[in-house]
Amino acid sequence: RLHDTGKSGRRMLIALIPIAGPVMYLVGMTADSVPTTNE
């Protein structure tokens, strides 16, 4: 899912940050896809 938004899978680790991390993770998961081919 993170790849679909053009981000690295390592970005999942952001959820480990207390309080703000899970919120930022959920925002990343709701982001729209990159409509074209990405890396």
Full PDB file with SEQRES, HELIX, SHEET, SSBOND, CRYST1, ORIGX, SCALE, CONECT and MASTER records, all heavy atoms in Angstrom:
SEQRES   1 A   39  ARG LEU HIS ASP THR GLY LYS SER GLY ARG ARG MET LEU          
SEQRES   2 A   39  ILE ALA LEU ILE PRO ILE ALA GLY PRO VAL MET TYR LEU          
SEQRES   3 A   39  VAL GLY MET THR ALA ASP SER VAL PRO THR THR ASN GLU          
HELIX    1 AA1 HIS A    3  THR A    5  5                                   3    
HELIX    2 AA2 GLY A    9  LEU A   16  5                                   8    
HELIX    3 AA3 ALA A   20  THR A   30  1                                  11    
CRYST1    1.000    1.000    1.000  90.00  90.00  90.00 P 1           1          
ORIGX1      1.000000  0.000000  0.000000        0.00000                         
ORIGX2      0.000000  1.000000  0.000000        0.00000                         
ORIGX3      0.000000  0.000000  1.000000        0.00000                         
SCALE1      1.000000  0.000000  0.000000        0.00000                         
SCALE2      0.000000  1.000000  0.000000        0.00000                         
SCALE3      0.000000  0.000000  1.000000        0.00000                         
ATOM      1  N   ARG A   1       0.845  -1.208   0.000  1.00  0.00           N  
ATOM      2  CA  ARG A   1       0.000   0.000   0.000  1.00  0.00           C  
ATOM      3  C   ARG A   1       0.876   1.252   0.000  1.00  0.00           C  
ATOM      4  O   ARG A   1       0.599   2.215  -0.705  1.00  0.00           O  
ATOM      5  CB  ARG A   1      -0.936  -0.020   1.215  1.00  0.00           C  
ATOM      6  CG  ARG A   1      -1.761   1.211   1.356  1.00  0.00           C  
ATOM      7  CD  ARG A   1      -2.827   1.290   0.258  1.00  0.00           C  
ATOM      8  NE  ARG A   1      -3.300   2.650   0.159  1.00  0.00           N  
ATOM      9  CZ  ARG A   1      -3.304   3.371  -0.947  1.00  0.00           C  
ATOM     10  NH1 ARG A   1      -2.900   2.858  -2.084  1.00  0.00           N  
ATOM     11  NH2 ARG A   1      -3.726   4.600  -0.945  1.00  0.00           N  
ATOM     12  N   LEU A   2       1.933   1.238   0.814  1.00  0.00           N  
ATOM     13  CA  LEU A   2       2.854   2.381   0.809  1.00  0.00           C  
ATOM     14  C   LEU A   2       3.527   2.522  -0.547  1.00  0.00           C  
ATOM     15  O   LEU A   2       3.726   3.639  -1.030  1.00  0.00           O  
ATOM     16  CB  LEU A   2       3.880   2.240   1.933  1.00  0.00           C  
ATOM     17  CG  LEU A   2       3.333   2.510   3.333  1.00  0.00           C  
ATOM     18  CD1 LEU A   2       4.335   2.085   4.391  1.00  0.00           C  
ATOM     19  CD2 LEU A   2       2.964   3.973   3.492  1.00  0.00           C  
ATOM     20  N   HIS A   3       3.865   1.402  -1.161  1.00  0.00           N  
ATOM     21  CA  HIS A   3       4.456   1.455  -2.507  1.00  0.00           C  
ATOM     22  C   HIS A   3       3.488   2.101  -3.497  1.00  0.00           C  
ATOM     23  O   HIS A   3       3.901   2.840  -4.386  1.00  0.00           O  
ATOM     24  CB  HIS A   3       4.807   0.054  -3.010  1.00  0.00           C  
ATOM     25  CG  HIS A   3       5.983  -0.549  -2.323  1.00  0.00           C  
ATOM     26  ND1 HIS A   3       6.366  -1.844  -2.543  1.00  0.00           N  
ATOM     27  CD2 HIS A   3       6.872  -0.052  -1.437  1.00  0.00           C  
ATOM     28  CE1 HIS A   3       7.437  -2.116  -1.825  1.00  0.00           C  
ATOM     29  NE2 HIS A   3       7.761  -1.035  -1.135  1.00  0.00           N  
ATOM     30  N   ASP A   4       2.203   1.825  -3.349  1.00  0.00           N  
ATOM     31  CA  ASP A   4       1.205   2.387  -4.258  1.00  0.00           C  
ATOM     32  C   ASP A   4       1.143   3.907  -4.149  1.00  0.00           C  
ATOM     33  O   ASP A   4       0.808   4.587  -5.105  1.00  0.00           O  
ATOM     34  CB  ASP A   4      -0.174   1.785  -3.971  1.00  0.00           C  
ATOM     35  CG  ASP A   4      -1.167   2.053  -5.084  1.00  0.00           C  
ATOM     36  OD1 ASP A   4      -0.788   1.940  -6.267  1.00  0.00           O  
ATOM     37  OD2 ASP A   4      -2.319   2.376  -4.773  1.00  0.00           O  
ATOM     38  N   THR A   5       1.485   4.426  -2.978  1.00  0.00           N  
ATOM     39  CA  THR A   5       1.489   5.887  -2.794  1.00  0.00           C  
ATOM     40  C   THR A   5       2.855   6.487  -3.119  1.00  0.00           C  
ATOM     41  O   THR A   5       3.057   7.681  -2.940  1.00  0.00           O  
ATOM     42  CB  THR A   5       1.091   6.269  -1.354  1.00  0.00           C  
ATOM     43  OG1 THR A   5       2.037   5.727  -0.435  1.00  0.00           O  
ATOM     44  CG2 THR A   5      -0.299   5.794  -1.023  1.00  0.00           C  
ATOM     45  N   GLY A   6       3.796   5.636  -3.565  1.00  0.00           N  
ATOM     46  CA  GLY A   6       5.112   6.128  -3.954  1.00  0.00           C  
ATOM     47  C   GLY A   6       6.098   6.224  -2.807  1.00  0.00           C  
ATOM     48  O   GLY A   6       7.129   6.869  -2.929  1.00  0.00           O  
ATOM     49  N   LYS A   7       5.809   5.576  -1.688  1.00  0.00           N  
ATOM     50  CA  LYS A   7       6.682   5.644  -0.518  1.00  0.00           C  
ATOM     51  C   LYS A   7       7.309   4.284  -0.239  1.00  0.00           C  
ATOM     52  O   LYS A   7       6.776   3.261  -0.605  1.00  0.00           O  
ATOM     53  CB  LYS A   7       5.884   6.121   0.688  1.00  0.00           C  
ATOM     54  CG  LYS A   7       5.373   7.539   0.512  1.00  0.00           C  
ATOM     55  CD  LYS A   7       4.450   7.915   1.645  1.00  0.00           C  
ATOM     56  CE  LYS A   7       3.937   9.324   1.501  1.00  0.00           C  
ATOM     57  NZ  LYS A   7       3.121   9.546   0.335  1.00  0.00           N  
ATOM     58  N   SER A   8       8.430   4.306   0.460  1.00  0.00           N  
ATOM     59  CA  SER A   8       9.125   3.084   0.828  1.00  0.00           C  
ATOM     60  C   SER A   8       8.353   2.352   1.927  1.00  0.00           C  
ATOM     61  O   SER A   8       7.699   2.978   2.769  1.00  0.00           O  
ATOM     62  CB  SER A   8      10.523   3.430   1.342  1.00  0.00           C  
ATOM     63  OG  SER A   8      11.123   2.304   1.944  1.00  0.00           O  
ATOM     64  N   GLY A   9       8.472   1.048   1.946  1.00  0.00           N  
ATOM     65  CA  GLY A   9       7.827   0.249   2.977  1.00  0.00           C  
ATOM     66  C   GLY A   9       8.388   0.518   4.361  1.00  0.00           C  
ATOM     67  O   GLY A   9       7.730   0.278   5.375  1.00  0.00           O  
ATOM     68  N   ARG A  10       9.590   1.052   4.416  1.00  0.00           N  
ATOM     69  CA  ARG A  10      10.189   1.395   5.710  1.00  0.00           C  
ATOM     70  C   ARG A  10       9.406   2.480   6.433  1.00  0.00           C  
ATOM     71  O   ARG A  10       9.545   2.659   7.630  1.00  0.00           O  
ATOM     72  CB  ARG A  10      11.634   1.840   5.522  1.00  0.00           C  
ATOM     73  CG  ARG A  10      12.533   0.697   5.179  1.00  0.00           C  
ATOM     74  CD  ARG A  10      13.977   1.124   5.116  1.00  0.00           C  
ATOM     75  NE  ARG A  10      14.526   0.513   3.901  1.00  0.00           N  
ATOM     76  CZ  ARG A  10      15.236   1.140   2.998  1.00  0.00           C  
ATOM     77  NH1 ARG A  10      15.534   2.397   3.144  1.00  0.00           N  
ATOM     78  NH2 ARG A  10      15.665   0.504   1.933  1.00  0.00           N  
ATOM     79  N   ARG A  11       8.574   3.180   5.684  1.00  0.00           N  
ATOM     80  CA  ARG A  11       7.767   4.245   6.268  1.00  0.00           C  
ATOM     81  C   ARG A  11       6.794   3.681   7.312  1.00  0.00           C  
ATOM     82  O   ARG A  11       6.257   4.410   8.128  1.00  0.00           O  
ATOM     83  CB  ARG A  11       7.034   4.970   5.144  1.00  0.00           C  
ATOM     84  CG  ARG A  11       6.110   6.036   5.529  1.00  0.00           C  
ATOM     85  CD  ARG A  11       6.550   7.455   5.638  1.00  0.00           C  
ATOM     86  NE  ARG A  11       7.409   8.130   4.764  1.00  0.00           N  
ATOM     87  CZ  ARG A  11       7.071   9.170   4.047  1.00  0.00           C  
ATOM     88  NH1 ARG A  11       5.827   9.553   3.968  1.00  0.00           N  
ATOM     89  NH2 ARG A  11       7.960   9.834   3.364  1.00  0.00           N  
ATOM     90  N   MET A  12       6.562   2.361   7.299  1.00  0.00           N  
ATOM     91  CA  MET A  12       5.692   1.732   8.302  1.00  0.00           C  
ATOM     92  C   MET A  12       6.232   1.947   9.706  1.00  0.00           C  
ATOM     93  O   MET A  12       5.469   2.004  10.664  1.00  0.00           O  
ATOM     94  CB  MET A  12       5.575   0.227   8.052  1.00  0.00           C  
ATOM     95  CG  MET A  12       4.577  -0.126   7.020  1.00  0.00           C  
ATOM     96  SD  MET A  12       4.397  -1.892   6.766  1.00  0.00           S  
ATOM     97  CE  MET A  12       4.645  -2.605   8.355  1.00  0.00           C  
ATOM     98  N   LEU A  13       7.541   2.064   9.820  1.00  0.00           N  
ATOM     99  CA  LEU A  13       8.156   2.229  11.136  1.00  0.00           C  
ATOM    100  C   LEU A  13       7.730   3.525  11.818  1.00  0.00           C  
ATOM    101  O   LEU A  13       7.878   3.660  13.030  1.00  0.00           O  
ATOM    102  CB  LEU A  13       9.681   2.165  11.012  1.00  0.00           C  
ATOM    103  CG  LEU A  13      10.231   0.830  10.513  1.00  0.00           C  
ATOM    104  CD1 LEU A  13      11.732   0.918  10.312  1.00  0.00           C  
ATOM    105  CD2 LEU A  13       9.870  -0.287  11.465  1.00  0.00           C  
ATOM    106  N   ILE A  14       7.175   4.441  11.059  1.00  0.00           N  
ATOM    107  CA  ILE A  14       6.703   5.695  11.630  1.00  0.00           C  
ATOM    108  C   ILE A  14       5.615   5.450  12.669  1.00  0.00           C  
ATOM    109  O   ILE A  14       5.441   6.226  13.599  1.00  0.00           O  
ATOM    110  CB  ILE A  14       6.216   6.653  10.522  1.00  0.00           C  
ATOM    111  CG1 ILE A  14       6.271   8.090  10.997  1.00  0.00           C  
ATOM    112  CG2 ILE A  14       4.821   6.317  10.060  1.00  0.00           C  
ATOM    113  CD1 ILE A  14       6.154   9.093   9.877  1.00  0.00           C  
ATOM    114  N   ALA A  15       4.910   4.349  12.554  1.00  0.00           N  
ATOM    115  CA  ALA A  15       3.840   4.011  13.499  1.00  0.00           C  
ATOM    116  C   ALA A  15       4.384   3.746  14.904  1.00  0.00           C  
ATOM    117  O   ALA A  15       3.623   3.756  15.870  1.00  0.00           O  
ATOM    118  CB  ALA A  15       3.057   2.805  13.003  1.00  0.00           C  
ATOM    119  N   LEU A  16       5.685   3.530  15.032  1.00  0.00           N  
ATOM    120  CA  LEU A  16       6.286   3.283  16.336  1.00  0.00           C  
ATOM    121  C   LEU A  16       6.489   4.552  17.150  1.00  0.00           C  
ATOM    122  O   LEU A  16       6.753   4.477  18.343  1.00  0.00           O  
ATOM    123  CB  LEU A  16       7.621   2.550  16.164  1.00  0.00           C  
ATOM    124  CG  LEU A  16       7.543   1.169  15.499  1.00  0.00           C  
ATOM    125  CD1 LEU A  16       8.931   0.607  15.276  1.00  0.00           C  
ATOM    126  CD2 LEU A  16       6.679   0.227  16.311  1.00  0.00           C  
ATOM    127  N   ILE A  17       6.368   5.706  16.523  1.00  0.00           N  
ATOM    128  CA  ILE A  17       6.499   6.973  17.241  1.00  0.00           C  
ATOM    129  C   ILE A  17       5.254   7.143  18.105  1.00  0.00           C  
ATOM    130  O   ILE A  17       4.140   7.061  17.604  1.00  0.00           O  
ATOM    131  CB  ILE A  17       6.637   8.157  16.262  1.00  0.00           C  
ATOM    132  CG1 ILE A  17       7.887   7.990  15.411  1.00  0.00           C  
ATOM    133  CG2 ILE A  17       6.652   9.488  17.018  1.00  0.00           C  
ATOM    134  CD1 ILE A  17       7.979   8.994  14.271  1.00  0.00           C  
ATOM    135  N   PRO A  18       5.423   7.385  19.403  1.00  0.00           N  
ATOM    136  CA  PRO A  18       4.242   7.512  20.274  1.00  0.00           C  
ATOM    137  C   PRO A  18       3.299   8.639  19.823  1.00  0.00           C  
ATOM    138  O   PRO A  18       3.729   9.686  19.372  1.00  0.00           O  
ATOM    139  CB  PRO A  18       4.843   7.838  21.643  1.00  0.00           C  
ATOM    140  CG  PRO A  18       6.236   7.321  21.573  1.00  0.00           C  
ATOM    141  CD  PRO A  18       6.663   7.473  20.139  1.00  0.00           C  
ATOM    142  N   ILE A  19       2.052   8.403  19.936  1.00  0.00           N  
ATOM    143  CA  ILE A  19       0.917   9.290  19.669  1.00  0.00           C  
ATOM    144  C   ILE A  19       0.829   9.729  18.211  1.00  0.00           C  
ATOM    145  O   ILE A  19      -0.115   9.384  17.515  1.00  0.00           O  
ATOM    146  CB  ILE A  19       0.900  10.500  20.619  1.00  0.00           C  
ATOM    147  CG1 ILE A  19       0.821   9.999  22.069  1.00  0.00           C  
ATOM    148  CG2 ILE A  19      -0.284  11.415  20.322  1.00  0.00           C  
ATOM    149  CD1 ILE A  19       1.074  11.047  23.114  1.00  0.00           C  
ATOM    150  N   ALA A  20       1.775  10.495  17.717  1.00  0.00           N  
ATOM    151  CA  ALA A  20       1.685  11.035  16.356  1.00  0.00           C  
ATOM    152  C   ALA A  20       1.959   9.975  15.290  1.00  0.00           C  
ATOM    153  O   ALA A  20       1.428  10.061  14.182  1.00  0.00           O  
ATOM    154  CB  ALA A  20       2.654  12.194  16.187  1.00  0.00           C  
ATOM    155  N   GLY A  21       2.756   8.969  15.595  1.00  0.00           N  
ATOM    156  CA  GLY A  21       3.138   7.960  14.624  1.00  0.00           C  
ATOM    157  C   GLY A  21       1.959   7.209  14.016  1.00  0.00           C  
ATOM    158  O   GLY A  21       1.839   7.137  12.792  1.00  0.00           O  
ATOM    159  N   PRO A  22       1.081   6.640  14.847  1.00  0.00           N  
ATOM    160  CA  PRO A  22      -0.070   5.928  14.270  1.00  0.00           C  
ATOM    161  C   PRO A  22      -0.975   6.826  13.431  1.00  0.00           C  
ATOM    162  O   PRO A  22      -1.515   6.387  12.415  1.00  0.00           O  
ATOM    163  CB  PRO A  22      -0.809   5.394  15.500  1.00  0.00           C  
ATOM    164  CG  PRO A  22       0.245   5.288  16.549  1.00  0.00           C  
ATOM    165  CD  PRO A  22       1.187   6.422  16.283  1.00  0.00           C  
ATOM    166  N   VAL A  23      -1.101   8.077  13.823  1.00  0.00           N  
ATOM    167  CA  VAL A  23      -1.923   9.010  13.046  1.00  0.00           C  
ATOM    168  C   VAL A  23      -1.282   9.251  11.688  1.00  0.00           C  
ATOM    169  O   VAL A  23      -1.952   9.203  10.649  1.00  0.00           O  
ATOM    170  CB  VAL A  23      -2.126  10.339  13.810  1.00  0.00           C  
ATOM    171  CG1 VAL A  23      -2.800  11.375  12.935  1.00  0.00           C  
ATOM    172  CG2 VAL A  23      -2.911  10.103  15.087  1.00  0.00           C  
ATOM    173  N   MET A  24       0.023   9.480  11.668  1.00  0.00           N  
ATOM    174  CA  MET A  24       0.731   9.713  10.413  1.00  0.00           C  
ATOM    175  C   MET A  24       0.694   8.460   9.531  1.00  0.00           C  
ATOM    176  O   MET A  24       0.570   8.560   8.311  1.00  0.00           O  
ATOM    177  CB  MET A  24       2.172  10.149  10.693  1.00  0.00           C  
ATOM    178  CG  MET A  24       2.235  11.515  11.343  1.00  0.00           C  
ATOM    179  SD  MET A  24       3.812  12.035  12.056  1.00  0.00           S  
ATOM    180  CE  MET A  24       5.028  11.459  10.963  1.00  0.00           C  
ATOM    181  N   TYR A  25       0.761   7.289  10.149  1.00  0.00           N  
ATOM    182  CA  TYR A  25       0.681   6.024   9.416  1.00  0.00           C  
ATOM    183  C   TYR A  25      -0.681   5.893   8.739  1.00  0.00           C  
ATOM    184  O   TYR A  25      -0.771   5.569   7.555  1.00  0.00           O  
ATOM    185  CB  TYR A  25       0.933   4.865  10.380  1.00  0.00           C  
ATOM    186  CG  TYR A  25       0.728   3.502   9.786  1.00  0.00           C  
ATOM    187  CD1 TYR A  25       1.687   2.949   8.945  1.00  0.00           C  
ATOM    188  CD2 TYR A  25      -0.413   2.768  10.061  1.00  0.00           C  
ATOM    189  CE1 TYR A  25       1.508   1.686   8.398  1.00  0.00           C  
ATOM    190  CE2 TYR A  25      -0.600   1.510   9.520  1.00  0.00           C  
ATOM    191  CZ  TYR A  25       0.359   0.975   8.695  1.00  0.00           C  
ATOM    192  OH  TYR A  25       0.175  -0.264   8.150  1.00  0.00           O  
ATOM    193  N   LEU A  26      -1.753   6.167   9.475  1.00  0.00           N  
ATOM    194  CA  LEU A  26      -3.103   6.075   8.905  1.00  0.00           C  
ATOM    195  C   LEU A  26      -3.316   7.072   7.773  1.00  0.00           C  
ATOM    196  O   LEU A  26      -3.953   6.749   6.773  1.00  0.00           O  
ATOM    197  CB  LEU A  26      -4.157   6.278   9.987  1.00  0.00           C  
ATOM    198  CG  LEU A  26      -4.391   5.075  10.884  1.00  0.00           C  
ATOM    199  CD1 LEU A  26      -5.348   5.421  12.008  1.00  0.00           C  
ATOM    200  CD2 LEU A  26      -4.913   3.898  10.098  1.00  0.00           C  
ATOM    201  N   VAL A  27      -2.771   8.259   7.926  1.00  0.00           N  
ATOM    202  CA  VAL A  27      -2.875   9.252   6.855  1.00  0.00           C  
ATOM    203  C   VAL A  27      -2.167   8.733   5.606  1.00  0.00           C  
ATOM    204  O   VAL A  27      -2.675   8.865   4.493  1.00  0.00           O  
ATOM    205  CB  VAL A  27      -2.295  10.613   7.302  1.00  0.00           C  
ATOM    206  CG1 VAL A  27      -2.118  11.562   6.135  1.00  0.00           C  
ATOM    207  CG2 VAL A  27      -3.188  11.238   8.363  1.00  0.00           C  
ATOM    208  N   GLY A  28      -1.017   8.110   5.787  1.00  0.00           N  
ATOM    209  CA  GLY A  28      -0.294   7.532   4.649  1.00  0.00           C  
ATOM    210  C   GLY A  28      -1.073   6.426   3.965  1.00  0.00           C  
ATOM    211  O   GLY A  28      -1.038   6.283   2.742  1.00  0.00           O  
ATOM    212  N   MET A  29      -1.807   5.651   4.737  1.00  0.00           N  
ATOM    213  CA  MET A  29      -2.580   4.549   4.162  1.00  0.00           C  
ATOM    214  C   MET A  29      -3.830   5.032   3.426  1.00  0.00           C  
ATOM    215  O   MET A  29      -4.356   4.329   2.579  1.00  0.00           O  
ATOM    216  CB  MET A  29      -2.997   3.553   5.249  1.00  0.00           C  
ATOM    217  CG  MET A  29      -1.852   2.792   5.822  1.00  0.00           C  
ATOM    218  SD  MET A  29      -1.012   1.844   4.535  1.00  0.00           S  
ATOM    219  CE  MET A  29       0.454   1.368   5.365  1.00  0.00           C  
ATOM    220  N   THR A  30      -4.306   6.218   3.753  1.00  0.00           N  
ATOM    221  CA  THR A  30      -5.486   6.751   3.072  1.00  0.00           C  
ATOM    222  C   THR A  30      -5.131   7.603   1.865  1.00  0.00           C  
ATOM    223  O   THR A  30      -6.019   7.998   1.115  1.00  0.00           O  
ATOM    224  CB  THR A  30      -6.351   7.590   4.036  1.00  0.00           C  
ATOM    225  OG1 THR A  30      -5.573   8.678   4.532  1.00  0.00           O  
ATOM    226  CG2 THR A  30      -6.871   6.752   5.184  1.00  0.00           C  
ATOM    227  N   ALA A  31      -3.846   7.875   1.668  1.00  0.00           N  
ATOM    228  CA  ALA A  31      -3.419   8.714   0.546  1.00  0.00           C  
ATOM    229  C   ALA A  31      -3.783   8.060  -0.785  1.00  0.00           C  
ATOM    230  O   ALA A  31      -3.858   6.840  -0.898  1.00  0.00           O  
ATOM    231  CB  ALA A  31      -1.915   8.953   0.620  1.00  0.00           C  
ATOM    232  N   ASP A  32      -3.988   8.897  -1.786  1.00  0.00           N  
ATOM    233  CA  ASP A  32      -4.334   8.393  -3.112  1.00  0.00           C  
ATOM    234  C   ASP A  32      -3.110   7.769  -3.778  1.00  0.00           C  
ATOM    235  O   ASP A  32      -1.975   8.096  -3.468  1.00  0.00           O  
ATOM    236  CB  ASP A  32      -4.873   9.534  -3.976  1.00  0.00           C  
ATOM    237  CG  ASP A  32      -5.644   9.029  -5.177  1.00  0.00           C  
ATOM    238  OD1 ASP A  32      -5.952   7.822  -5.236  1.00  0.00           O  
ATOM    239  OD2 ASP A  32      -5.948   9.846  -6.065  1.00  0.00           O  
ATOM    240  N   SER A  33      -3.354   6.891  -4.714  1.00  0.00           N  
ATOM    241  CA  SER A  33      -2.298   6.205  -5.454  1.00  0.00           C  
ATOM    242  C   SER A  33      -1.579   7.149  -6.399  1.00  0.00           C  
ATOM    243  O   SER A  33      -2.129   8.155  -6.822  1.00  0.00           O  
ATOM    244  CB  SER A  33      -2.908   5.097  -6.315  1.00  0.00           C  
ATOM    245  OG  SER A  33      -3.648   4.225  -5.544  1.00  0.00           O  
ATOM    246  N   VAL A  34      -0.359   6.769  -6.732  1.00  0.00           N  
ATOM    247  CA  VAL A  34       0.335   7.425  -7.832  1.00  0.00           C  
ATOM    248  C   VAL A  34      -0.289   6.839  -9.094  1.00  0.00           C  
ATOM    249  O   VAL A  34      -0.247   5.626  -9.291  1.00  0.00           O  
ATOM    250  CB  VAL A  34       1.850   7.141  -7.773  1.00  0.00           C  
ATOM    251  CG1 VAL A  34       2.548   7.698  -8.986  1.00  0.00           C  
ATOM    252  CG2 VAL A  34       2.449   7.680  -6.488  1.00  0.00           C  
ATOM    253  N   PRO A  35      -0.917   7.665  -9.941  1.00  0.00           N  
ATOM    254  CA  PRO A  35      -1.684   7.121 -11.070  1.00  0.00           C  
ATOM    255  C   PRO A  35      -0.849   6.502 -12.184  1.00  0.00           C  
ATOM    256  O   PRO A  35      -1.382   5.799 -13.026  1.00  0.00           O  
ATOM    257  CB  PRO A  35      -2.454   8.338 -11.584  1.00  0.00           C  
ATOM    258  CG  PRO A  35      -1.658   9.506 -11.142  1.00  0.00           C  
ATOM    259  CD  PRO A  35      -0.986   9.111  -9.869  1.00  0.00           C  
ATOM    260  N   THR A  36       0.432   6.742 -12.171  1.00  0.00           N  
ATOM    261  CA  THR A  36       1.293   6.201 -13.220  1.00  0.00           C  
ATOM    262  C   THR A  36       2.260   5.178 -12.632  1.00  0.00           C  
ATOM    263  O   THR A  36       2.298   4.965 -11.429  1.00  0.00           O  
ATOM    264  CB  THR A  36       2.100   7.336 -13.875  1.00  0.00           C  
ATOM    265  OG1 THR A  36       2.880   7.975 -12.857  1.00  0.00           O  
ATOM    266  CG2 THR A  36       1.192   8.349 -14.540  1.00  0.00           C  
ATOM    267  N   THR A  37       3.055   4.583 -13.481  1.00  0.00           N  
ATOM    268  CA  THR A  37       4.074   3.649 -13.022  1.00  0.00           C  
ATOM    269  C   THR A  37       5.065   4.384 -12.136  1.00  0.00           C  
ATOM    270  O   THR A  37       5.479   5.501 -12.440  1.00  0.00           O  
ATOM    271  CB  THR A  37       4.808   3.034 -14.231  1.00  0.00           C  
ATOM    272  OG1 THR A  37       3.847   2.328 -15.023  1.00  0.00           O  
ATOM    273  CG2 THR A  37       5.900   2.092 -13.798  1.00  0.00           C  
ATOM    274  N   ASN A  38       5.417   3.771 -11.010  1.00  0.00           N  
ATOM    275  CA  ASN A  38       6.462   4.338 -10.164  1.00  0.00           C  
ATOM    276  C   ASN A  38       7.547   3.282  -9.980  1.00  0.00           C  
ATOM    277  O   ASN A  38       7.519   2.238 -10.635  1.00  0.00           O  
ATOM    278  CB  ASN A  38       5.899   4.848  -8.828  1.00  0.00           C  
ATOM    279  CG  ASN A  38       5.326   3.761  -7.944  1.00  0.00           C  
ATOM    280  OD1 ASN A  38       5.581   2.576  -8.125  1.00  0.00           O  
ATOM    281  ND2 ASN A  38       4.543   4.154  -6.953  1.00  0.00           N  
ATOM    282  N   GLU A  39       8.502   3.535  -9.092  1.00  0.00           N  
ATOM    283  CA  GLU A  39       9.624   2.611  -8.943  1.00  0.00           C  
ATOM    284  C   GLU A  39       9.213   1.241  -8.410  1.00  0.00           C  
ATOM    285  O   GLU A  39       9.987   0.289  -8.450  1.00  0.00           O  
ATOM    286  CB  GLU A  39      10.693   3.218  -8.041  1.00  0.00           C  
ATOM    287  CG  GLU A  39      10.215   3.481  -6.619  1.00  0.00           C  
ATOM    288  CD  GLU A  39      11.263   4.180  -5.774  1.00  0.00           C  
ATOM    289  OE1 GLU A  39      12.251   3.523  -5.410  1.00  0.00           O  
ATOM    290  OE2 GLU A  39      11.060   5.369  -5.503  1.00  0.00           O  
TER     291      GLU A  39                                                      
MASTER        0    0    0    3    0    0    0    6  290    1    0    3          
END                                                                             
